[in-house]
């Protein structure tokens, strides 16, 4: 992903407002806030090295964020793109069933202990999953 050396981030007023809102929020992920700062600093004229030093991150991270903005606009620069990978092996219903078991006390399942250990929970799930469907 090559991009020119000069500052190429030019933000509209709407984009700048959105970035500032993201930077001030307490609910956004830290990496999203960091990427918003990268775009804002770049639009203000800072170079990649200065931004990296100010945010205490690798210069390549700054470069990649700006390159994503240039090629795919702001949403792609702020968020991670979907990655390929192995599909999940259990369904949402199965996950809910496991969480339900984990939230119960082992005593309700016929065990003597008061709290689950990871090993005991895993053995119980393996022993009862087929019976439970």
C-alpha atoms as a PDB file:
ATOM      1  CA  UNK A   1       0.000   0.000   0.000  1.00  0.00           C
ATOM      2  CA  UNK A   2       2.101   2.854  -1.225  1.00  0.00           C
ATOM      3  CA  UNK A   3       1.196   6.432  -0.582  1.00  0.00           C
ATOM      4  CA  UNK A   4       2.983   9.697  -1.361  1.00  0.00           C
ATOM      5  CA  UNK A   5       5.394  11.131   1.207  1.00  0.00           C
ATOM      6  CA  UNK A   6       3.474  14.380   1.636  1.00  0.00           C
ATOM      7  CA  UNK A   7       0.500  14.831   3.945  1.00  0.00           C
ATOM      8  CA  UNK A   8      -2.475  13.335   2.117  1.00  0.00           C
ATOM      9  CA  UNK A   9      -5.166  13.441   4.803  1.00  0.00           C
ATOM     10  CA  UNK A  10      -7.676  16.168   4.038  1.00  0.00           C
ATOM     11  CA  UNK A  11     -10.682  15.998   6.318  1.00  0.00           C
ATOM     12  CA  UNK A  12     -14.086  17.519   5.779  1.00  0.00           C
ATOM     13  CA  UNK A  13     -15.649  19.379   8.684  1.00  0.00           C
ATOM     14  CA  UNK A  14     -18.009  16.427   9.212  1.00  0.00           C
ATOM     15  CA  UNK A  15     -15.101  13.946   9.336  1.00  0.00           C
ATOM     16  CA  UNK A  16     -13.164  16.180  11.726  1.00  0.00           C
ATOM     17  CA  UNK A  17     -16.190  16.445  14.018  1.00  0.00           C
ATOM     18  CA  UNK A  18     -16.597  12.662  13.932  1.00  0.00           C
ATOM     19  CA  UNK A  19     -12.916  12.132  14.786  1.00  0.00           C
ATOM     20  CA  UNK A  20     -13.044  14.598  17.669  1.00  0.00           C
ATOM     21  CA  UNK A  21     -16.143  12.877  19.029  1.00  0.00           C
ATOM     22  CA  UNK A  22     -14.379   9.489  18.804  1.00  0.00           C
ATOM     23  CA  UNK A  23     -11.291  10.881  20.566  1.00  0.00           C
ATOM     24  CA  UNK A  24     -13.375  12.290  23.451  1.00  0.00           C
ATOM     25  CA  UNK A  25     -15.542   9.213  23.950  1.00  0.00           C
ATOM     26  CA  UNK A  26     -14.929   6.809  26.788  1.00  0.00           C
ATOM     27  CA  UNK A  27     -16.654   3.872  25.131  1.00  0.00           C
ATOM     28  CA  UNK A  28     -14.603   3.495  21.936  1.00  0.00           C
ATOM     29  CA  UNK A  29     -11.795   0.957  21.770  1.00  0.00           C
ATOM     30  CA  UNK A  30      -8.344   2.367  22.488  1.00  0.00           C
ATOM     31  CA  UNK A  31      -7.043   1.464  19.030  1.00  0.00           C
ATOM     32  CA  UNK A  32      -9.965   3.294  17.397  1.00  0.00           C
ATOM     33  CA  UNK A  33      -9.212   6.417  19.437  1.00  0.00           C
ATOM     34  CA  UNK A  34      -5.530   6.113  18.545  1.00  0.00           C
ATOM     35  CA  UNK A  35      -6.332   5.840  14.832  1.00  0.00           C
ATOM     36  CA  UNK A  36      -8.620   8.881  15.078  1.00  0.00           C
ATOM     37  CA  UNK A  37      -5.744  10.844  16.629  1.00  0.00           C
ATOM     38  CA  UNK A  38      -3.435   9.706  13.824  1.00  0.00           C
ATOM     39  CA  UNK A  39      -5.835  11.036  11.187  1.00  0.00           C
ATOM     40  CA  UNK A  40      -6.409  14.289  13.062  1.00  0.00           C
ATOM     41  CA  UNK A  41      -2.688  14.944  13.560  1.00  0.00           C
ATOM     42  CA  UNK A  42      -1.981  14.108   9.928  1.00  0.00           C
ATOM     43  CA  UNK A  43      -4.683  16.528   8.777  1.00  0.00           C
ATOM     44  CA  UNK A  44      -3.072  19.185  10.994  1.00  0.00           C
ATOM     45  CA  UNK A  45       0.163  18.740   9.027  1.00  0.00           C
ATOM     46  CA  UNK A  46       2.238  16.499  11.283  1.00  0.00           C
ATOM     47  CA  UNK A  47       4.424  13.940   9.518  1.00  0.00           C
ATOM     48  CA  UNK A  48       4.355  10.196  10.247  1.00  0.00           C
ATOM     49  CA  UNK A  49       7.447  10.242  12.482  1.00  0.00           C
ATOM     50  CA  UNK A  50       6.140  13.118  14.623  1.00  0.00           C
ATOM     51  CA  UNK A  51       2.753  11.425  15.036  1.00  0.00           C
ATOM     52  CA  UNK A  52       4.415   8.133  15.968  1.00  0.00           C
ATOM     53  CA  UNK A  53       6.594   9.871  18.542  1.00  0.00           C
ATOM     54  CA  UNK A  54       3.686  11.844  20.011  1.00  0.00           C
ATOM     55  CA  UNK A  55       1.490   8.729  20.358  1.00  0.00           C
ATOM     56  CA  UNK A  56       4.421   6.477  21.322  1.00  0.00           C
ATOM     57  CA  UNK A  57       3.723   3.965  18.563  1.00  0.00           C
ATOM     58  CA  UNK A  58       5.565   2.526  15.581  1.00  0.00           C
ATOM     59  CA  UNK A  59       5.817   4.776  12.527  1.00  0.00           C
ATOM     60  CA  UNK A  60       4.574   1.890  10.377  1.00  0.00           C
ATOM     61  CA  UNK A  61       1.274   1.907  12.322  1.00  0.00           C
ATOM     62  CA  UNK A  62       0.826   5.572  11.458  1.00  0.00           C
ATOM     63  CA  UNK A  63       1.677   4.901   7.824  1.00  0.00           C
ATOM     64  CA  UNK A  64      -0.798   1.991   7.597  1.00  0.00           C
ATOM     65  CA  UNK A  65      -3.634   3.995   9.155  1.00  0.00           C
ATOM     66  CA  UNK A  66      -3.146   6.896   6.770  1.00  0.00           C
ATOM     67  CA  UNK A  67      -2.814   4.547   3.806  1.00  0.00           C
ATOM     68  CA  UNK A  68      -6.146   2.934   4.719  1.00  0.00           C
ATOM     69  CA  UNK A  69      -7.729   6.383   4.878  1.00  0.00           C
ATOM     70  CA  UNK A  70      -6.360   7.297   1.454  1.00  0.00           C
ATOM     71  CA  UNK A  71      -7.461   4.068  -0.211  1.00  0.00           C
ATOM     72  CA  UNK A  72     -10.735   3.299   1.566  1.00  0.00           C
ATOM     73  CA  UNK A  73     -11.812   6.390   3.512  1.00  0.00           C
ATOM     74  CA  UNK A  74     -12.313   6.979   7.225  1.00  0.00           C
ATOM     75  CA  UNK A  75     -14.358   3.933   8.295  1.00  0.00           C
ATOM     76  CA  UNK A  76     -11.691   1.537   7.029  1.00  0.00           C
ATOM     77  CA  UNK A  77      -8.942   3.568   8.704  1.00  0.00           C
ATOM     78  CA  UNK A  78     -10.644   3.538  12.107  1.00  0.00           C
ATOM     79  CA  UNK A  79     -11.840  -0.061  12.238  1.00  0.00           C
ATOM     80  CA  UNK A  80     -10.193  -3.404  11.556  1.00  0.00           C
ATOM     81  CA  UNK A  81     -11.233  -5.032   8.332  1.00  0.00           C
ATOM     82  CA  UNK A  82     -12.715  -8.508   8.398  1.00  0.00           C
ATOM     83  CA  UNK A  83     -10.079 -11.202   8.240  1.00  0.00           C
ATOM     84  CA  UNK A  84     -10.222 -14.626   6.768  1.00  0.00           C
ATOM     85  CA  UNK A  85      -9.964 -17.495   9.163  1.00  0.00           C
ATOM     86  CA  UNK A  86     -11.482 -20.669  10.354  1.00  0.00           C
ATOM     87  CA  UNK A  87     -15.204 -20.535  10.966  1.00  0.00           C
ATOM     88  CA  UNK A  88     -16.531 -21.088  14.466  1.00  0.00           C
ATOM     89  CA  UNK A  89     -17.159 -24.686  15.445  1.00  0.00           C
ATOM     90  CA  UNK A  90     -20.017 -24.129  17.888  1.00  0.00           C
ATOM     91  CA  UNK A  91     -23.305 -22.324  17.382  1.00  0.00           C
ATOM     92  CA  UNK A  92     -24.638 -19.399  19.380  1.00  0.00           C
ATOM     93  CA  UNK A  93     -27.135 -21.723  21.096  1.00  0.00           C
ATOM     94  CA  UNK A  94     -24.297 -23.999  22.179  1.00  0.00           C
ATOM     95  CA  UNK A  95     -22.348 -21.021  23.514  1.00  0.00           C
ATOM     96  CA  UNK A  96     -25.418 -19.904  25.472  1.00  0.00           C
ATOM     97  CA  UNK A  97     -25.794 -23.416  26.930  1.00  0.00           C
ATOM     98  CA  UNK A  98     -22.134 -23.429  28.058  1.00  0.00           C
ATOM     99  CA  UNK A  99     -22.479 -19.993  29.635  1.00  0.00           C
ATOM    100  CA  UNK A 100     -25.648 -21.125  31.398  1.00  0.00           C
ATOM    101  CA  UNK A 101     -23.822 -24.123  32.889  1.00  0.00           C
ATOM    102  CA  UNK A 102     -20.846 -21.951  33.915  1.00  0.00           C
ATOM    103  CA  UNK A 103     -23.161 -19.512  35.711  1.00  0.00           C
ATOM    104  CA  UNK A 104     -24.700 -22.284  37.819  1.00  0.00           C
ATOM    105  CA  UNK A 105     -23.095 -23.559  40.975  1.00  0.00           C
ATOM    106  CA  UNK A 106     -21.565 -27.037  40.674  1.00  0.00           C
ATOM    107  CA  UNK A 107     -23.737 -28.167  43.594  1.00  0.00           C
ATOM    108  CA  UNK A 108     -26.813 -27.837  41.368  1.00  0.00           C
ATOM    109  CA  UNK A 109     -25.203 -30.273  38.944  1.00  0.00           C
ATOM    110  CA  UNK A 110     -24.468 -32.851  41.651  1.00  0.00           C
ATOM    111  CA  UNK A 111     -20.887 -31.919  42.514  1.00  0.00           C
ATOM    112  CA  UNK A 112     -19.560 -31.376  46.027  1.00  0.00           C
ATOM    113  CA  UNK A 113     -17.567 -28.218  45.364  1.00  0.00           C
ATOM    114  CA  UNK A 114     -18.977 -24.736  45.669  1.00  0.00           C
ATOM    115  CA  UNK A 115     -17.281 -23.145  42.624  1.00  0.00           C
ATOM    116  CA  UNK A 116     -16.295 -24.406  39.181  1.00  0.00           C
ATOM    117  CA  UNK A 117     -12.686 -24.954  38.267  1.00  0.00           C
ATOM    118  CA  UNK A 118     -11.940 -24.719  34.578  1.00  0.00           C
ATOM    119  CA  UNK A 119     -10.997 -28.393  34.440  1.00  0.00           C
ATOM    120  CA  UNK A 120     -14.184 -29.532  36.241  1.00  0.00           C
ATOM    121  CA  UNK A 121     -16.382 -27.318  34.071  1.00  0.00           C
ATOM    122  CA  UNK A 122     -14.728 -28.648  30.919  1.00  0.00           C
ATOM    123  CA  UNK A 123     -15.188 -32.279  32.026  1.00  0.00           C
ATOM    124  CA  UNK A 124     -18.826 -31.653  32.946  1.00  0.00           C
ATOM    125  CA  UNK A 125     -19.566 -30.003  29.588  1.00  0.00           C
ATOM    126  CA  UNK A 126     -17.878 -32.814  27.669  1.00  0.00           C
ATOM    127  CA  UNK A 127     -19.787 -35.432  29.678  1.00  0.00           C
ATOM    128  CA  UNK A 128     -23.222 -33.813  29.323  1.00  0.00           C
ATOM    129  CA  UNK A 129     -23.149 -32.009  25.970  1.00  0.00           C
ATOM    130  CA  UNK A 130     -24.401 -34.911  23.849  1.00  0.00           C
ATOM    131  CA  UNK A 131     -27.137 -35.805  26.333  1.00  0.00           C
ATOM    132  CA  UNK A 132     -28.285 -32.165  26.458  1.00  0.00           C
ATOM    133  CA  UNK A 133     -28.305 -31.889  22.670  1.00  0.00           C
END
